[in-house]
Amino acid sequence: MNAEAVAAAPGHASWRVATFLVLVGIAALVFVGAAALPYYLSASYGPPEYAPRRGWLMLHISGGLVALLTGPVQLWLGLSDRGMTWHRRMGTAYVVAVGVGSIGGYFMAFNTDFGWQFGASLASLATAWVATTAMAFLAIRRSLVEQHKEWMIRSYVLTFAFVIFRVIFPALQANQIGTASEQLAAAGWLCWPLPLLATELFLQGRKILRVRA
C-alpha cells in the first residue's frame, strides 16, 4: 500500500487522496467478496485445519473486516478535517475491531497447523497492528493531531496486509515457489513489513525534503 496518496497536508486532502482511498475501498470490497464472505456463507469453507478453531478464525476475520471497510472513510474524514463526529465514532469502531481481530489472530498464530514460521508472521503482524493503533489512539487523546494521522496511516497499512497476503500467496502458489508451508510463511512475512517500511520512508522522507539545505 502506497502511503503517498494518504499523507496530504492537514485539512487539504486532495482529489488524489480521495481517488486513492476509493481504489483502496474497492480493493477491500473485492477482498471481502472473494476471500472473506465465503467463510460466512459456508461452515465448511476454508482449509480443514481451521475447523477446530473456526470460532477464533471468525473472530479474527470479523474484526479485520470492520477495520478494513471503515478505514478508508475514516482516513478521508480525518485527513480532510471534516465530519469529526462520524470520524470519532468510526475511530472507536476501528479501535475495537483491531482489538477483536488481533485476539483471534493471536490465537490462530499460536495454534497453527502450518508451521511456526507462519505462526510467527501472524503474531508479529497482530503485535504491530495493535501497537500502531494504540499509538494513534494515545496521540489523539493528547491532541497530537499530526502524529495521530501518521499512526492511523501506519495502522491501516497493516490492516490492508490481509489484502496483500491474498495477492502474494496465490502468486507463490502459481509459480510453485517452495512448499505450502513455506509459501504461507513467505506471504505472511512479505505482506506487512515491506509496505510498512515504504510507508515510513515516505512519511519521514517528505518531512526531510521540506527542510531547505
Protein backbone atom coordinates (compact mmCIF):
# COMPACT_ATOMS: atom_id res chain seq x y z
CA MET A 1 0.00 0.00 0.00
CA ASN A 2 1.50 3.34 -1.06
CA ALA A 3 1.10 5.96 1.67
CA GLU A 4 1.88 8.91 -0.61
CA ALA A 5 -1.72 9.47 -1.55
CA VAL A 6 -2.92 9.48 2.04
CA ALA A 7 -0.35 11.82 3.51
CA ALA A 8 -1.79 15.14 2.41
CA ALA A 9 -1.32 18.28 4.44
CA PRO A 10 -3.78 18.74 7.31
CA GLY A 11 -7.15 19.96 6.17
CA HIS A 12 -6.17 19.79 2.50
CA ALA A 13 -6.79 16.18 1.46
CA SER A 14 -6.82 16.43 -2.32
CA TRP A 15 -8.83 14.73 -5.03
CA ARG A 16 -5.86 12.39 -5.45
CA VAL A 17 -6.27 11.28 -1.86
CA ALA A 18 -9.97 10.70 -2.43
CA THR A 19 -9.27 8.75 -5.63
CA PHE A 20 -6.65 6.63 -3.91
CA LEU A 21 -8.93 5.85 -0.97
CA VAL A 22 -11.75 4.94 -3.35
CA LEU A 23 -9.42 2.47 -5.06
CA VAL A 24 -8.40 1.11 -1.67
CA GLY A 25 -12.06 0.73 -0.75
CA ILE A 26 -12.77 -1.12 -3.98
CA ALA A 27 -9.85 -3.47 -3.34
CA ALA A 28 -11.18 -4.06 0.17
CA LEU A 29 -14.66 -4.88 -1.17
CA VAL A 30 -13.20 -7.30 -3.72
CA PHE A 31 -11.24 -8.96 -0.93
CA VAL A 32 -14.37 -9.25 1.21
CA GLY A 33 -16.37 -10.84 -1.60
CA ALA A 34 -13.66 -13.21 -2.77
CA ALA A 35 -11.83 -14.17 0.41
CA ALA A 36 -13.93 -13.35 3.50
CA LEU A 37 -17.62 -13.64 2.65
CA PRO A 38 -17.39 -17.36 1.77
CA TYR A 39 -16.46 -18.08 5.41
CA TYR A 40 -19.81 -16.62 6.50
CA LEU A 41 -21.81 -18.41 3.81
CA SER A 42 -20.45 -21.91 4.38
CA ALA A 43 -19.41 -23.53 7.66
CA SER A 44 -17.14 -25.91 5.75
CA TYR A 45 -15.33 -23.28 3.69
CA GLY A 46 -11.57 -22.96 4.12
CA PRO A 47 -8.74 -25.36 4.95
CA PRO A 48 -9.92 -28.29 7.09
CA GLU A 49 -7.14 -27.47 9.57
CA TYR A 50 -9.14 -24.38 10.57
CA ALA A 51 -12.26 -26.35 11.51
CA PRO A 52 -11.36 -26.98 15.20
CA ARG A 53 -10.65 -23.26 15.67
CA ARG A 54 -13.33 -21.82 13.44
CA GLY A 55 -14.77 -19.57 16.16
CA TRP A 56 -11.41 -17.88 16.70
CA LEU A 57 -10.90 -17.59 12.96
CA MET A 58 -14.28 -15.89 12.54
CA LEU A 59 -13.44 -13.53 15.40
CA HIS A 60 -10.25 -12.59 13.57
CA ILE A 61 -12.00 -12.18 10.22
CA SER A 62 -14.89 -10.16 11.67
CA GLY A 63 -12.64 -7.68 13.45
CA GLY A 64 -10.43 -7.37 10.40
CA LEU A 65 -13.36 -6.71 8.09
CA VAL A 66 -14.74 -3.87 10.21
CA ALA A 67 -11.30 -2.24 10.31
CA LEU A 68 -10.70 -2.84 6.61
CA LEU A 69 -14.01 -1.35 5.46
CA THR A 70 -14.18 1.61 7.85
CA GLY A 71 -10.53 2.58 7.37
CA PRO A 72 -10.76 4.40 4.01
CA VAL A 73 -13.74 6.52 5.12
CA GLN A 74 -12.17 7.29 8.45
CA LEU A 75 -8.87 8.27 6.83
CA TRP A 76 -10.65 10.59 4.41
CA LEU A 77 -12.62 12.30 7.16
CA GLY A 78 -9.52 12.69 9.30
CA LEU A 79 -7.18 13.90 6.57
CA SER A 80 -9.74 16.39 5.26
CA ASP A 81 -10.71 17.55 8.77
CA ARG A 82 -14.41 17.09 8.20
CA GLY A 83 -17.24 15.07 9.74
CA MET A 84 -15.40 14.87 13.03
CA THR A 85 -18.37 13.38 14.86
CA TRP A 86 -18.53 10.49 12.42
CA HIS A 87 -14.75 10.30 12.37
CA ARG A 88 -14.67 9.77 16.14
CA ARG A 89 -17.46 7.19 16.03
CA MET A 90 -15.82 5.25 13.25
CA GLY A 91 -12.48 5.59 15.02
CA THR A 92 -13.94 3.94 18.10
CA ALA A 93 -15.34 1.12 15.96
CA TYR A 94 -11.96 0.77 14.24
CA VAL A 95 -10.02 0.50 17.52
CA VAL A 96 -12.45 -2.09 18.90
CA ALA A 97 -12.29 -4.03 15.63
CA VAL A 98 -8.49 -4.12 15.73
CA GLY A 99 -8.62 -5.38 19.31
CA VAL A 100 -11.13 -8.11 18.44
CA GLY A 101 -9.32 -9.10 15.26
CA SER A 102 -5.95 -9.27 16.97
CA ILE A 103 -7.28 -11.54 19.73
CA GLY A 104 -8.44 -14.02 17.11
CA GLY A 105 -5.19 -13.53 15.21
CA TYR A 106 -3.03 -14.28 18.24
CA PHE A 107 -4.97 -17.46 18.98
CA MET A 108 -4.63 -18.64 15.38
CA ALA A 109 -0.93 -17.75 15.37
CA PHE A 110 -0.13 -19.78 18.47
CA ASN A 111 -2.32 -22.71 17.41
CA THR A 112 -1.49 -23.01 13.73
CA ASP A 113 -1.05 -26.25 11.80
CA PHE A 114 1.06 -24.55 9.13
CA GLY A 115 4.40 -24.26 10.91
CA TRP A 116 5.94 -21.93 13.46
CA GLN A 117 7.27 -19.58 10.77
CA PHE A 118 3.73 -18.81 9.60
CA GLY A 119 2.54 -18.52 13.19
CA ALA A 120 5.37 -16.09 13.97
CA SER A 121 4.42 -13.92 10.99
CA LEU A 122 0.80 -13.75 12.19
CA ALA A 123 1.77 -12.95 15.78
CA SER A 124 4.19 -10.25 14.61
CA LEU A 125 1.55 -8.70 12.36
CA ALA A 126 -1.00 -8.72 15.19
CA THR A 127 1.52 -7.06 17.51
CA ALA A 128 2.37 -4.33 15.01
CA TRP A 129 -1.35 -3.86 14.27
CA VAL A 130 -2.21 -3.34 17.93
CA ALA A 131 0.85 -1.16 18.60
CA THR A 132 0.26 1.28 15.73
CA THR A 133 -3.44 1.56 16.55
CA ALA A 134 -2.67 2.15 20.22
CA MET A 135 -0.19 4.88 19.30
CA ALA A 136 -2.81 6.56 17.11
CA PHE A 137 -5.28 6.44 19.99
CA LEU A 138 -2.79 7.81 22.53
CA ALA A 139 -1.74 10.59 20.15
CA ILE A 140 -5.27 11.90 19.64
CA ARG A 141 -6.01 11.62 23.36
CA ARG A 142 -3.18 14.12 23.83
CA SER A 143 -4.37 16.30 20.92
CA LEU A 144 -1.34 15.40 18.80
CA VAL A 145 -3.29 15.55 15.57
CA GLU A 146 -0.46 15.12 13.06
CA GLN A 147 1.04 12.18 14.95
CA HIS A 148 -2.44 10.66 15.16
CA LYS A 149 -2.87 10.90 11.40
CA GLU A 150 0.51 9.30 10.74
CA TRP A 151 -0.09 6.43 13.16
CA MET A 152 -3.53 5.82 11.67
CA ILE A 153 -1.97 5.57 8.21
CA ARG A 154 0.50 3.01 9.56
CA SER A 155 -2.30 1.12 11.28
CA TYR A 156 -4.37 0.91 8.11
CA VAL A 157 -1.36 -0.23 6.09
CA LEU A 158 -1.23 -3.18 8.50
CA THR A 159 -4.97 -3.72 8.18
CA PHE A 160 -4.54 -3.79 4.41
CA ALA A 161 -1.91 -6.52 4.84
CA PHE A 162 -4.79 -9.02 4.75
CA VAL A 163 -5.48 -7.98 1.17
CA ILE A 164 -1.80 -8.01 0.21
CA PHE A 165 -1.43 -11.51 1.67
CA ARG A 166 -4.19 -12.72 -0.64
CA VAL A 167 -2.20 -11.43 -3.60
CA ILE A 168 1.22 -12.77 -2.60
CA PHE A 169 0.17 -16.27 -1.52
CA PRO A 170 -1.62 -17.23 -4.77
CA ALA A 171 1.31 -15.78 -6.74
CA LEU A 172 3.72 -18.05 -4.88
CA GLN A 173 1.40 -20.99 -5.45
CA ALA A 174 1.02 -20.26 -9.16
CA ASN A 175 4.79 -20.11 -9.59
CA GLN A 176 5.31 -23.22 -7.43
CA ILE A 177 7.80 -21.47 -5.18
CA GLY A 178 8.52 -23.60 -2.12
CA THR A 179 6.24 -25.90 -0.17
CA ALA A 180 2.77 -24.90 1.01
CA SER A 181 4.08 -24.08 4.49
CA GLU A 182 6.94 -22.05 3.04
CA GLN A 183 4.54 -20.17 0.79
CA LEU A 184 2.30 -19.27 3.73
CA ALA A 185 5.25 -18.16 5.84
CA ALA A 186 6.74 -16.10 3.00
CA ALA A 187 3.40 -14.41 2.28
CA GLY A 188 2.91 -13.77 5.99
CA TRP A 189 6.28 -12.02 6.25
CA LEU A 190 6.07 -10.13 2.96
CA CYS A 191 2.55 -8.72 3.31
CA TRP A 192 3.30 -6.17 6.03
CA PRO A 193 6.96 -5.28 6.82
CA LEU A 194 7.77 -4.05 3.31
CA PRO A 195 4.55 -1.99 2.92
CA LEU A 196 5.11 -0.55 6.40
CA LEU A 197 8.72 0.30 5.55
CA ALA A 198 7.64 2.01 2.32
CA THR A 199 5.06 3.99 4.29
CA GLU A 200 7.60 5.07 6.89
CA LEU A 201 10.14 6.08 4.27
CA PHE A 202 7.54 8.30 2.65
CA LEU A 203 6.17 9.82 5.86
CA GLN A 204 9.62 10.69 7.17
CA GLY A 205 11.18 11.39 3.77
CA ARG A 206 8.66 14.10 2.91
CA LYS A 207 9.49 15.85 6.20
CA ILE A 208 13.20 15.78 5.40
CA LEU A 209 12.66 17.10 1.89
CA ARG A 210 10.64 20.03 3.22
CA VAL A 211 13.71 21.33 5.05
CA ARG A 212 15.89 23.50 2.86
CA ALA A 213 19.58 22.68 2.94
